[in-house]
Amino acid sequence: MNKAILNIRDLTLRGQGIGQAEAGERVFFVDGALPGEVVEAELYKRRSNYNVARLTRIIHPSPERISPTCPVFPECGGCQLRHLSYPAQLRWKEQHLCNTFKSVAGIDLKADSANTIAGGEAVANGGSDTSGTPSINAEGICLRPIIGMNEPYGYRTKVQFPVGGSAENPCMGFYRRNSREIVPAIVCDVQQPVANRLREVVLDLIRVSGMEPWDEERQSGLIRHFMVRCGANTGDVMAIVVVQGNEIPPLDGWFEQLAAAVAEFSTTEEAANNAGATNATNTQPSPRLKLRCFGVNLHPGRNNVVLGRETRILGGDPYIEEIINGVRYRLSPGAFFQVNPRQATVLYDQVLRLLGDSEQVRNNGDLQVVNGGRTEAVIVDLYCGTGAITLQVAANFAGENGNAGFSGEGNNDDIAGESGKDDVAVENNNAGLFGKKQPYVIGVDNVAVSIADARANAERNGLADCTEFHVADAGVWLSTRVAEGLTVSAVIVDPPRSGLEPQLIDTLNTVASSSHAPERLIYVSCNPATLARDIALLMPHWQVREIQPVDMFPLTTHVESVVLLSRY
């Protein structure tokens, strides 16, 4: 049978409808179908335990189906949910989180989808509090309503356009779904509008230069990608051309032409309406855009990784800046940073809420640390990247206490895999540390360029005296420091999509029963599957208290979560 009438009950992470002809029969994945619909679909691929089918007719459409605003949806693989209303997207993401926890970790969260928050900007105190009634399951786990956006467009501040075609007729866009073929995109309303303008300029420059785009199939050509990164709250713009090989091509005049295009764009009415170029509360006008950084990234490899290891700056500064909650961040071309600053504000505020205020961190009860007869808070941020969360925590407590820090010196000179003597400064400086009310926040990451940015960010924000950063493996660093006697009040983890390394999970479980155990563990996750897997491995020693989903990527199936765990 090539065609079947299917009842669609759910979505895959690729946005395909999951359906069956009858309960208990073979499952179909149907491109373009939505939950609640009855559709006719044509089988075109048979897998071991499911079929893949094309949507041929919608018999009973979902009331949540909408007309996509993107001219290249669904061919483009960037978004999966453009045909689903935004409130329905939020409900699906919350339910997907619950389904994943139940299937992977055996935890029934009992989500109440009626409690979704209309938008992150609508949350009181800039996202610090939630409205509506959270659901609490039998184990006492509190699932708060997902926090969405009031305006789910123009939120991405970083875009990496693959370049294809020929020197005479280059194209730039996004990869076709499930393929490496480029779908030319004239405009993308998820990105900052200035990125769409710079895309046009670079296409013209390629035509004039005669440089060939990279051809993956033939493994030939020069121009691989064009990356644009924006500081939504500063107006800074970064433009990076990724080329094949180790040689810088002749790009004379590119910086000047791109800078002129940014300046011209900034004066237009479109720039004033730039969805991502206002602050998180949308109460101030967009900052004037300026091309602050232009460079070329050298990519000698033959793989599909977007950026090579080396970037040469050809114009402006080697970084741009972004501001979140009053903290200024330096962003290098290869540094990781949240691409949705409006929701990043919400996400970080949730971390601060779950961490508690400085009195909770320090006093008897929630986050007491006893060291040499004195109490103080040492907070560790693992997978810290450029120090985004580290500095939010430090700045939050500095604001509470009226100053930023300590008389003791930090230490920022150890290298990956080594426990340098500088680390003892945490213990040696206790006299200075514990004489202050400011908690001490330590960031750890295994990417050296990110740590360099983190240290510069701490200096720039006057937080160097109450923070320190280390290039190290998270699990190795934490187990070594705890073994040396460091008492940690709270641990924050924000791992990549792959989740926590097994060694770090073992370390967290080991320290949970020690005298140096942190009272709270805050897990920031961008992948419900690895989050649920890790939670299941941590549950023998840690209890899940609260889960707060945040919609960082509207129009896609991705969902971010902030989870609070405490020791049993």
Protein backbone atom coordinates (compact mmCIF):
# COMPACT_ATOMS: atom_id res chain seq x y z
CA MET A 1 0.00 0.00 0.00
CA ASN A 2 1.57 3.31 -1.12
CA LYS A 3 -1.05 5.61 0.40
CA ALA A 4 -2.63 5.59 3.83
CA ILE A 5 -5.08 7.64 5.89
CA LEU A 6 -3.28 8.55 9.11
CA ASN A 7 -4.19 10.07 12.47
CA ILE A 8 -1.35 12.39 13.51
CA ARG A 9 -0.67 12.44 17.25
CA ASP A 10 2.77 14.04 17.72
CA LEU A 11 5.86 15.53 16.04
CA THR A 12 9.42 14.34 15.57
CA LEU A 13 12.31 16.68 16.32
CA ARG A 14 12.54 17.24 12.56
CA GLY A 15 8.98 18.54 12.59
CA GLN A 16 7.43 15.48 10.93
CA GLY A 17 3.99 14.38 12.01
CA ILE A 18 3.88 11.01 13.80
CA GLY A 19 0.80 9.01 12.87
CA GLN A 20 -0.82 5.63 12.43
CA ALA A 21 -3.71 4.31 10.41
CA GLU A 22 -4.98 2.46 13.47
CA ALA A 23 -3.69 2.18 17.02
CA GLY A 24 -1.02 -0.46 17.27
CA GLU A 25 -0.18 -0.38 13.58
CA ARG A 26 3.12 0.68 12.02
CA VAL A 27 4.14 4.30 12.66
CA PHE A 28 4.50 6.83 9.84
CA PHE A 29 6.61 10.01 9.88
CA VAL A 30 4.87 12.52 7.61
CA ASP A 31 6.50 15.74 6.39
CA GLY A 32 4.22 18.73 6.93
CA ALA A 33 1.55 17.02 9.07
CA LEU A 34 0.55 18.39 12.47
CA PRO A 35 -0.81 16.79 15.66
CA GLY A 36 -4.58 16.39 15.65
CA GLU A 37 -4.83 16.16 11.88
CA VAL A 38 -6.18 13.37 9.71
CA VAL A 39 -4.13 13.21 6.53
CA GLU A 40 -3.52 11.16 3.43
CA ALA A 41 0.16 10.34 2.95
CA GLU A 42 2.21 8.46 0.37
CA LEU A 43 4.93 6.08 1.51
CA TYR A 44 8.37 6.77 0.02
CA LYS A 45 10.81 5.24 2.48
CA ARG A 46 10.60 2.19 4.72
CA ARG A 47 12.77 1.96 7.84
CA SER A 48 13.20 -0.90 10.28
CA ASN A 49 10.54 0.32 12.71
CA TYR A 50 8.74 3.16 10.93
CA ASN A 51 7.75 4.47 7.50
CA VAL A 52 8.43 7.90 6.01
CA ALA A 53 5.66 9.43 3.91
CA ARG A 54 4.83 12.55 1.91
CA LEU A 55 1.74 14.54 2.76
CA THR A 56 -0.66 14.32 -0.19
CA ARG A 57 -3.89 15.63 1.35
CA ILE A 58 -5.07 17.14 4.62
CA ILE A 59 -8.47 15.65 5.36
CA HIS A 60 -9.07 17.31 8.74
CA PRO A 61 -6.64 20.19 9.39
CA SER A 62 -5.52 21.25 12.83
CA PRO A 63 -7.05 24.53 14.07
CA GLU A 64 -3.46 25.50 14.95
CA ARG A 65 -2.24 25.23 11.34
CA ILE A 66 -1.16 28.59 9.90
CA SER A 67 0.26 29.79 6.58
CA PRO A 68 4.08 29.99 6.80
CA THR A 69 5.52 33.47 6.30
CA CYS A 70 8.82 32.13 4.92
CA PRO A 71 9.01 31.69 1.12
CA VAL A 72 11.46 28.76 1.39
CA PHE A 73 9.65 26.77 4.09
CA PRO A 74 9.64 23.76 4.28
CA GLU A 75 12.55 23.28 1.86
CA CYS A 76 14.93 25.15 4.18
CA GLY A 77 15.99 23.05 7.16
CA GLY A 78 16.41 25.95 9.58
CA CYS A 79 12.86 26.00 10.97
CA GLN A 80 10.52 23.07 11.55
CA LEU A 81 7.36 24.64 12.99
CA ARG A 82 6.47 27.63 10.80
CA HIS A 83 3.12 26.06 9.91
CA LEU A 84 2.12 25.75 13.59
CA SER A 85 0.76 28.68 15.62
CA TYR A 86 3.14 30.01 18.24
CA PRO A 87 0.94 29.18 21.27
CA ALA A 88 0.68 25.62 19.94
CA GLN A 89 4.47 25.50 19.51
CA LEU A 90 4.87 26.35 23.19
CA ARG A 91 2.38 23.71 24.25
CA TRP A 92 4.11 21.09 22.11
CA LYS A 93 7.54 21.95 23.51
CA GLU A 94 6.32 21.66 27.08
CA GLN A 95 4.65 18.33 26.35
CA HIS A 96 7.73 17.09 24.48
CA LEU A 97 9.82 17.85 27.56
CA CYS A 98 7.38 15.86 29.70
CA ASN A 99 7.27 12.94 27.27
CA THR A 100 11.06 12.79 27.16
CA PHE A 101 11.39 12.76 30.94
CA LYS A 102 8.85 9.96 31.19
CA SER A 103 10.41 7.78 28.48
CA VAL A 104 14.08 8.39 29.34
CA ALA A 105 14.12 9.02 33.09
CA GLY A 106 10.84 7.42 34.17
CA ILE A 107 9.61 10.72 35.63
CA ASP A 108 6.00 11.79 35.06
CA LEU A 109 6.02 15.60 35.18
CA LYS A 110 2.26 15.98 34.55
CA ALA A 111 2.53 19.16 32.49
CA ASP A 112 -0.39 21.57 32.47
CA SER A 113 -0.19 23.17 29.03
CA ALA A 114 -2.86 25.73 29.94
CA ASN A 115 -0.31 27.44 32.16
CA THR A 116 2.04 28.68 29.43
CA ILE A 117 3.24 32.25 29.78
CA ALA A 118 2.34 34.53 26.89
CA GLY A 119 5.87 35.84 26.46
CA GLY A 120 9.21 36.19 28.16
CA GLU A 121 8.88 39.97 28.14
CA ALA A 122 5.55 39.64 29.96
CA VAL A 123 7.11 37.89 32.92
CA ALA A 124 7.38 40.09 35.98
CA ASN A 125 10.79 41.47 36.92
CA GLY A 126 12.30 40.72 33.52
CA GLY A 127 11.76 37.01 33.76
CA SER A 128 12.59 36.47 37.43
CA ASP A 129 9.09 35.37 38.38
CA THR A 130 6.51 33.27 36.60
CA SER A 131 2.76 33.66 36.46
CA GLY A 132 0.15 30.96 36.28
CA THR A 133 -0.01 27.81 38.33
CA PRO A 134 2.91 25.40 37.96
CA SER A 135 2.23 21.69 38.05
CA ILE A 136 3.70 19.56 40.83
CA ASN A 137 3.98 15.81 40.39
CA ALA A 138 3.80 13.02 42.96
CA GLU A 139 7.53 13.30 43.71
CA GLY A 140 7.20 17.03 44.40
CA ILE A 141 8.87 18.17 41.19
CA CYS A 142 7.60 21.58 40.14
CA LEU A 143 7.22 22.11 36.40
CA ARG A 144 6.73 25.78 35.64
CA PRO A 145 4.98 27.00 32.48
CA ILE A 146 7.25 27.45 29.48
CA ILE A 147 8.35 31.05 28.91
CA GLY A 148 7.88 32.10 25.30
CA MET A 149 8.41 35.33 23.38
CA ASN A 150 5.98 38.12 22.60
CA GLU A 151 7.53 38.48 19.13
CA PRO A 152 9.09 35.22 17.89
CA TYR A 153 10.89 36.74 14.89
CA GLY A 154 14.18 38.55 14.30
CA TYR A 155 15.67 37.01 17.42
CA ARG A 156 18.82 35.32 16.07
CA THR A 157 21.96 37.45 16.35
CA LYS A 158 24.25 34.98 14.58
CA VAL A 159 23.89 33.44 11.14
CA GLN A 160 26.25 31.26 9.10
CA PHE A 161 25.34 31.31 5.41
CA PRO A 162 26.81 28.47 3.32
CA VAL A 163 28.03 29.74 -0.05
CA GLY A 164 27.52 27.81 -3.28
CA GLY A 165 26.95 28.23 -6.98
CA SER A 166 29.67 29.72 -9.17
CA ALA A 167 31.78 32.88 -9.23
CA GLU A 168 29.46 34.32 -11.89
CA ASN A 169 26.30 33.24 -10.10
CA PRO A 170 26.99 32.62 -6.41
CA CYS A 171 24.21 31.74 -4.01
CA MET A 172 23.88 31.98 -0.26
CA GLY A 173 21.20 30.62 2.02
CA PHE A 174 20.63 27.57 4.19
CA TYR A 175 20.87 23.83 3.75
CA ARG A 176 17.87 21.97 2.42
CA ARG A 177 16.25 19.72 4.99
CA ASN A 178 18.18 16.45 5.37
CA SER A 179 20.70 17.50 2.72
CA ARG A 180 23.83 19.56 2.00
CA GLU A 181 22.16 21.29 -0.93
CA ILE A 182 21.87 25.05 -0.46
CA VAL A 183 18.43 26.66 -0.62
CA PRO A 184 18.97 30.30 -1.68
CA ALA A 185 17.29 32.62 0.82
CA ILE A 186 16.62 36.21 -0.19
CA VAL A 187 15.50 37.13 3.30
CA CYS A 188 15.19 35.29 6.62
CA ASP A 189 12.91 36.87 9.20
CA VAL A 190 14.42 34.84 12.05
CA GLN A 191 17.76 36.62 11.61
CA GLN A 192 18.67 40.23 12.29
CA PRO A 193 17.67 42.19 9.16
CA VAL A 194 21.18 43.60 8.75
CA ALA A 195 22.43 40.06 8.09
CA ASN A 196 20.15 39.83 5.07
CA ARG A 197 21.56 43.08 3.71
CA LEU A 198 25.19 42.01 4.18
CA ARG A 199 24.42 38.75 2.44
CA GLU A 200 23.48 40.72 -0.69
CA VAL A 201 26.66 42.81 -0.49
CA VAL A 202 28.94 39.79 -0.18
CA LEU A 203 27.26 38.06 -3.12
CA ASP A 204 28.04 41.13 -5.23
CA LEU A 205 31.64 41.18 -3.97
CA ILE A 206 32.08 37.51 -4.89
CA ARG A 207 30.80 38.19 -8.42
CA VAL A 208 33.21 41.09 -8.88
CA SER A 209 36.18 39.22 -7.39
CA GLY A 210 35.70 36.10 -9.49
CA MET A 211 36.46 33.88 -6.48
CA GLU A 212 34.77 30.50 -6.69
CA PRO A 213 32.43 29.29 -3.93
CA TRP A 214 33.35 26.02 -2.23
CA ASP A 215 31.95 22.89 -3.87
CA GLU A 216 31.61 20.08 -1.31
CA GLU A 217 31.09 17.39 -3.91
CA ARG A 218 34.13 18.31 -6.00
CA GLN A 219 36.15 19.48 -3.01
CA SER A 220 37.18 22.62 -4.87
CA GLY A 221 36.65 26.36 -4.61
CA LEU A 222 37.44 29.07 -2.06
CA ILE A 223 34.51 30.82 -0.32
CA ARG A 224 32.83 28.40 2.12
CA HIS A 225 30.63 30.42 4.46
CA PHE A 226 29.73 33.96 5.40
CA MET A 227 29.05 34.57 9.10
CA VAL A 228 27.30 37.60 10.57
CA ARG A 229 27.11 38.19 14.31
CA CYS A 230 25.38 41.14 15.97
CA GLY A 231 25.35 42.73 19.38
CA ALA A 232 21.61 43.29 19.72
CA ASN A 233 22.00 45.74 22.59
CA THR A 234 25.18 47.47 21.38
CA GLY A 235 24.70 47.72 17.62
CA ASP A 236 28.04 46.00 16.96
CA VAL A 237 28.22 43.89 13.81
CA MET A 238 30.78 41.21 12.95
CA ALA A 239 31.30 39.87 9.43
CA ILE A 240 33.54 36.85 8.81
CA VAL A 241 34.31 35.27 5.44
CA VAL A 242 35.26 31.58 5.74
CA VAL A 243 37.68 30.43 3.04
CA GLN A 244 39.21 27.09 2.12
CA GLY A 245 42.93 26.77 2.86
CA ASN A 246 45.55 28.67 4.85
CA GLU A 247 45.97 31.72 2.61
CA ILE A 248 44.11 35.01 2.90
CA PRO A 249 42.48 35.83 -0.45
CA PRO A 250 42.50 39.36 -1.90
CA LEU A 251 39.66 41.05 -0.02
CA ASP A 252 40.73 44.66 -0.61
CA GLY A 253 37.85 47.04 -0.09
CA TRP A 254 35.51 44.47 1.44
CA PHE A 255 35.68 45.98 4.92
CA GLU A 256 34.93 49.47 3.62
CA GLN A 257 32.01 48.34 1.47
CA LEU A 258 30.49 46.22 4.22
CA ALA A 259 30.94 49.04 6.76
CA ALA A 260 29.23 51.47 4.40
CA ALA A 261 26.36 49.02 3.89
CA VAL A 262 25.88 48.64 7.64
CA ALA A 263 25.94 52.41 8.17
CA GLU A 264 23.44 52.97 5.37
CA PHE A 265 21.21 50.19 6.64
CA SER A 266 21.26 51.64 10.15
CA THR A 267 19.65 54.86 8.96
CA THR A 268 16.70 53.12 7.34
CA GLU A 269 13.29 52.59 8.84
CA GLU A 270 13.89 48.82 8.71
CA ALA A 271 16.78 49.16 11.15
CA ALA A 272 14.52 51.04 13.56
CA ASN A 273 12.17 48.06 13.48
CA ASN A 274 14.98 45.51 13.86
CA ALA A 275 13.29 42.89 16.05
CA GLY A 276 16.42 41.92 17.95
CA ALA A 277 18.15 45.27 18.18
CA THR A 278 16.41 46.62 21.26
CA ASN A 279 17.05 45.75 24.83
CA ALA A 280 15.28 42.85 26.50
CA THR A 281 12.34 44.94 27.69
CA ASN A 282 11.84 46.61 24.28
CA THR A 283 11.58 50.03 25.95
CA GLN A 284 14.53 51.71 24.23
CA PRO A 285 15.20 52.43 20.56
CA SER A 286 17.55 50.25 18.57
CA PRO A 287 21.24 51.18 18.89
CA ARG A 288 22.94 52.49 15.76
CA LEU A 289 24.53 49.63 13.86
CA LYS A 290 28.24 49.68 13.04
CA LEU A 291 30.61 47.13 11.50
CA ARG A 292 33.05 46.66 14.35
CA CYS A 293 34.81 43.46 13.25
CA PHE A 294 35.67 42.10 9.80
CA GLY A 295 37.90 39.13 9.17
CA VAL A 296 38.64 35.97 7.28
CA ASN A 297 38.51 32.52 8.82
CA LEU A 298 41.01 30.03 7.40
CA HIS A 299 39.59 26.53 6.97
CA PRO A 300 42.20 24.07 5.64
CA GLY A 301 40.10 20.98 6.36
CA ARG A 302 37.84 19.06 4.02
CA ASN A 303 35.09 18.44 6.59
CA ASN A 304 31.72 20.09 7.16
CA VAL A 305 32.74 22.08 10.25
CA VAL A 306 31.83 25.72 9.60
CA LEU A 307 34.83 27.52 11.13
CA GLY A 308 38.51 26.70 10.97
CA ARG A 309 40.87 27.22 13.87
CA GLU A 310 42.34 30.57 12.80
CA THR A 311 40.64 33.91 12.14
CA ARG A 312 42.58 36.91 10.80
CA ILE A 313 41.07 40.31 11.49
CA LEU A 314 41.24 42.57 8.43
CA GLY A 315 39.29 45.55 9.74
CA GLY A 316 38.12 46.91 13.07
CA ASP A 317 38.42 45.07 16.38
CA PRO A 318 38.92 41.32 16.96
CA TYR A 319 35.56 41.13 18.73
CA ILE A 320 32.14 42.70 19.14
CA GLU A 321 30.26 43.34 22.39
CA GLU A 322 26.85 42.41 23.73
CA ILE A 323 25.05 43.57 26.89
CA ILE A 324 22.75 41.30 28.91
CA ASN A 325 21.26 42.51 32.20
CA GLY A 326 23.82 45.30 32.31
CA VAL A 327 26.79 42.94 31.91
CA ARG A 328 28.99 43.68 28.89
CA TYR A 329 30.42 40.68 27.03
CA ARG A 330 33.26 40.52 24.50
CA LEU A 331 32.51 38.03 21.72
CA SER A 332 35.30 36.71 19.52
CA PRO A 333 34.46 35.10 16.14
CA GLY A 334 34.67 31.54 17.47
CA ALA A 335 33.24 32.09 20.95
CA PHE A 336 29.94 30.50 21.97
CA PHE A 337 27.18 32.84 23.12
CA GLN A 338 23.40 32.62 23.17
CA VAL A 339 22.00 33.79 19.83
CA ASN A 340 18.71 35.05 21.30
CA PRO A 341 19.57 37.90 23.70
CA ARG A 342 15.97 38.63 24.64
CA GLN A 343 15.43 35.08 25.87
CA ALA A 344 18.98 34.86 27.22
CA THR A 345 17.94 37.57 29.68
CA VAL A 346 14.99 35.41 30.72
CA LEU A 347 17.15 32.28 30.95
CA TYR A 348 19.79 33.93 33.13
CA ASP A 349 17.15 35.45 35.38
CA GLN A 350 15.75 31.96 35.97
CA VAL A 351 19.21 30.71 36.94
CA LEU A 352 19.52 33.57 39.43
CA ARG A 353 16.05 32.89 40.83
CA LEU A 354 16.81 29.21 41.40
CA LEU A 355 20.20 30.02 42.87
CA GLY A 356 18.63 32.28 45.47
CA ASP A 357 19.76 35.62 46.85
CA SER A 358 23.04 36.21 48.65
CA GLU A 359 21.54 35.59 52.08
CA GLN A 360 20.23 32.20 50.96
CA VAL A 361 23.63 31.40 49.53
CA ARG A 362 25.46 32.34 52.68
CA ASN A 363 23.33 31.82 55.78
CA ASN A 364 22.41 28.63 57.61
CA GLY A 365 20.08 26.58 55.46
CA ASP A 366 20.05 26.66 51.71
CA LEU A 367 23.67 27.16 50.71
CA GLN A 368 25.82 27.13 53.82
CA VAL A 369 29.55 26.69 53.35
CA VAL A 370 31.78 26.16 56.37
CA ASN A 371 35.50 26.60 55.84
CA GLY A 372 37.88 27.26 58.70
CA GLY A 373 35.01 28.31 60.96
CA ARG A 374 33.80 30.98 58.52
CA THR A 375 30.90 30.88 56.13
CA GLU A 376 31.01 32.02 52.54
CA ALA A 377 29.68 30.96 49.14
CA VAL A 378 31.82 29.55 46.36
CA ILE A 379 29.76 29.01 43.22
CA VAL A 380 31.15 26.98 40.33
CA ASP A 381 29.96 27.44 36.73
CA LEU A 382 30.99 24.49 34.56
CA TYR A 383 30.98 24.77 30.75
CA CYS A 384 31.10 28.52 31.34
CA GLY A 385 32.05 29.56 27.80
CA THR A 386 32.67 33.31 27.67
CA GLY A 387 31.48 33.66 31.26
CA ALA A 388 27.87 34.46 30.41
CA ILE A 389 26.28 32.87 33.50
CA THR A 390 29.37 33.28 35.70
CA LEU A 391 29.28 37.05 35.34
CA GLN A 392 25.50 37.25 35.66
CA VAL A 393 25.79 35.53 39.04
CA ALA A 394 28.72 37.69 40.15
CA ALA A 395 27.07 40.91 39.00
CA ASN A 396 23.79 39.97 40.67
CA PHE A 397 25.44 39.51 44.04
CA ALA A 398 27.65 42.55 43.52
CA GLY A 399 24.49 44.57 42.98
CA GLU A 400 22.97 43.18 46.18
CA ASN A 401 26.07 43.94 48.20
CA GLY A 402 26.92 47.28 46.65
CA ASN A 403 30.40 46.32 45.49
CA ALA A 404 32.09 43.84 43.24
CA GLY A 405 34.60 42.01 45.25
CA PHE A 406 37.53 41.07 47.31
CA SER A 407 40.99 42.18 48.20
CA GLY A 408 42.30 38.70 47.41
CA GLU A 409 43.81 38.12 43.98
CA GLY A 410 42.18 35.76 41.51
CA ASN A 411 44.12 33.26 39.47
CA ASN A 412 43.74 32.93 35.76
CA ASP A 413 46.85 31.23 34.48
CA ASP A 414 46.40 27.47 34.60
CA ILE A 415 46.25 25.38 31.43
CA ALA A 416 43.98 22.58 30.32
CA GLY A 417 44.37 19.37 32.26
CA GLU A 418 46.66 20.85 34.91
CA SER A 419 45.86 21.81 38.48
CA GLY A 420 48.27 24.73 38.75
CA LYS A 421 49.48 26.11 42.05
CA ASP A 422 47.36 29.19 41.46
CA ASP A 423 44.27 27.16 42.33
CA VAL A 424 45.40 27.08 45.96
CA ALA A 425 44.69 30.80 45.99
CA VAL A 426 41.04 29.95 46.60
CA GLU A 427 42.07 28.49 49.94
CA ASN A 428 44.91 30.92 50.65
CA ASN A 429 42.73 33.94 50.01
CA ASN A 430 39.97 32.81 52.36
CA ALA A 431 40.83 35.53 54.84
CA GLY A 432 40.02 38.10 52.21
CA LEU A 433 37.23 36.12 50.60
CA PHE A 434 35.22 35.28 53.65
CA GLY A 435 35.59 38.71 55.14
CA LYS A 436 33.33 39.99 52.36
CA LYS A 437 29.68 39.32 51.61
CA GLN A 438 30.31 38.88 47.90
CA PRO A 439 30.22 35.20 46.84
CA TYR A 440 33.13 33.96 44.77
CA VAL A 441 32.25 32.56 41.35
CA ILE A 442 34.54 30.22 39.40
CA GLY A 443 34.08 29.48 35.69
CA VAL A 444 35.53 26.40 34.00
CA ASP A 445 35.61 25.54 30.29
CA ASN A 446 37.90 23.51 28.04
CA VAL A 447 37.98 26.07 25.21
CA ALA A 448 40.89 28.47 25.68
CA VAL A 449 39.53 31.27 23.47
CA SER A 450 36.27 31.29 25.44
CA ILE A 451 38.13 31.54 28.74
CA ALA A 452 40.23 34.40 27.35
CA ASP A 453 37.00 36.22 26.53
CA ALA A 454 35.58 35.37 29.97
CA ARG A 455 38.57 36.88 31.76
CA ALA A 456 38.41 40.00 29.62
CA ASN A 457 34.68 40.24 30.31
CA ALA A 458 35.27 40.01 34.06
CA GLU A 459 37.84 42.83 33.90
CA ARG A 460 35.58 44.95 31.73
CA ASN A 461 32.70 44.65 34.20
CA GLY A 462 34.74 45.19 37.37
CA LEU A 463 34.20 41.60 38.48
CA ALA A 464 37.74 40.23 38.26
CA ASP A 465 38.19 40.27 42.05
CA CYS A 466 35.19 38.03 42.71
CA THR A 467 35.58 35.64 39.77
CA GLU A 468 38.22 33.40 38.27
CA PHE A 469 38.33 31.26 35.17
CA HIS A 470 40.15 28.06 34.24
CA VAL A 471 40.82 26.18 31.03
CA ALA A 472 40.14 22.61 32.13
CA ASP A 473 37.92 19.58 31.79
CA ALA A 474 34.87 20.13 34.00
CA GLY A 475 34.88 16.70 35.67
CA VAL A 476 38.63 16.65 36.29
CA TRP A 477 38.67 20.18 37.66
CA LEU A 478 35.76 19.69 40.07
CA SER A 479 36.97 16.36 41.44
CA THR A 480 40.50 17.75 41.92
CA ARG A 481 39.38 20.94 43.67
CA VAL A 482 36.95 19.16 45.98
CA ALA A 483 39.63 16.59 46.86
CA GLU A 484 41.92 19.50 47.76
CA GLY A 485 39.31 20.80 50.20
CA LEU A 486 37.39 23.42 48.24
CA THR A 487 33.85 23.68 49.61
CA VAL A 488 31.34 24.54 46.91
CA SER A 489 27.95 26.08 47.70
CA ALA A 490 26.34 25.59 44.32
CA VAL A 491 27.26 24.13 40.95
CA ILE A 492 25.87 25.41 37.65
CA VAL A 493 26.27 23.28 34.53
CA ASP A 494 25.45 24.41 30.99
CA PRO A 495 26.76 21.60 28.77
CA PRO A 496 26.51 21.23 24.98
CA ARG A 497 23.72 19.16 23.43
CA SER A 498 25.65 15.97 24.21
CA GLY A 499 25.09 16.58 27.93
CA LEU A 500 27.37 15.92 30.89
CA GLU A 501 30.46 13.76 30.59
CA PRO A 502 30.29 10.50 32.59
CA GLN A 503 33.21 11.59 34.78
CA LEU A 504 31.42 14.77 35.80
CA ILE A 505 28.27 12.83 36.67
CA ASP A 506 30.36 10.47 38.80
CA THR A 507 32.03 13.44 40.50
CA LEU A 508 28.72 15.16 41.24
CA ASN A 509 27.33 11.95 42.72
CA THR A 510 30.47 11.40 44.78
CA VAL A 511 30.58 14.91 46.24
CA ALA A 512 26.84 14.80 47.01
CA SER A 513 27.55 12.62 50.04
CA SER A 514 30.72 14.41 51.15
CA SER A 515 31.26 17.21 53.64
CA HIS A 516 32.10 19.49 50.72
CA ALA A 517 28.84 18.83 48.87
CA PRO A 518 27.00 21.72 47.23
CA GLU A 519 23.42 22.15 48.36
CA ARG A 520 22.18 23.06 44.90
CA LEU A 521 22.90 21.94 41.38
CA ILE A 522 21.46 24.00 38.53
CA TYR A 523 21.41 22.30 35.14
CA VAL A 524 20.88 24.46 32.03
CA SER A 525 20.08 22.24 29.05
CA CYS A 526 19.38 22.68 25.35
CA ASN A 527 18.52 19.00 24.79
CA PRO A 528 15.66 17.32 26.71
CA ALA A 529 16.93 13.83 25.82
CA THR A 530 20.41 14.21 27.30
CA LEU A 531 18.98 16.25 30.18
CA ALA A 532 16.60 13.42 31.12
CA ARG A 533 19.38 10.85 30.69
CA ASP A 534 21.69 12.79 33.01
CA ILE A 535 18.94 13.44 35.55
CA ALA A 536 18.28 9.69 35.74
CA LEU A 537 21.97 9.10 36.47
CA LEU A 538 22.05 11.84 39.12
CA MET A 539 18.81 10.86 40.88
CA PRO A 540 20.35 8.36 43.32
CA HIS A 541 22.12 11.32 44.97
CA TRP A 542 20.23 14.40 43.77
CA GLN A 543 16.54 15.28 43.91
CA VAL A 544 14.87 17.28 41.14
CA ARG A 545 13.06 20.25 42.66
CA GLU A 546 12.01 22.46 39.78
CA ILE A 547 12.07 22.58 35.98
CA GLN A 548 11.64 25.80 34.01
CA PRO A 549 11.44 25.46 30.21
CA VAL A 550 12.35 28.51 28.11
CA ASP A 551 11.71 28.93 24.39
CA MET A 552 15.08 30.11 23.09
CA PHE A 553 14.40 29.13 19.47
CA PRO A 554 10.86 29.90 18.30
CA LEU A 555 9.71 28.23 15.06
CA THR A 556 12.00 25.26 15.74
CA THR A 557 11.56 22.11 17.82
CA HIS A 558 14.35 23.08 20.22
CA VAL A 559 13.59 23.88 23.86
CA GLU A 560 15.88 25.06 26.66
CA SER A 561 15.36 24.08 30.30
CA VAL A 562 16.68 25.22 33.66
CA VAL A 563 16.53 22.54 36.36
CA LEU A 564 17.11 22.88 40.09
CA LEU A 565 18.38 19.83 41.97
CA SER A 566 19.28 19.52 45.63
CA ARG A 567 20.98 16.87 47.74
CA TYR A 568 18.82 14.24 49.39
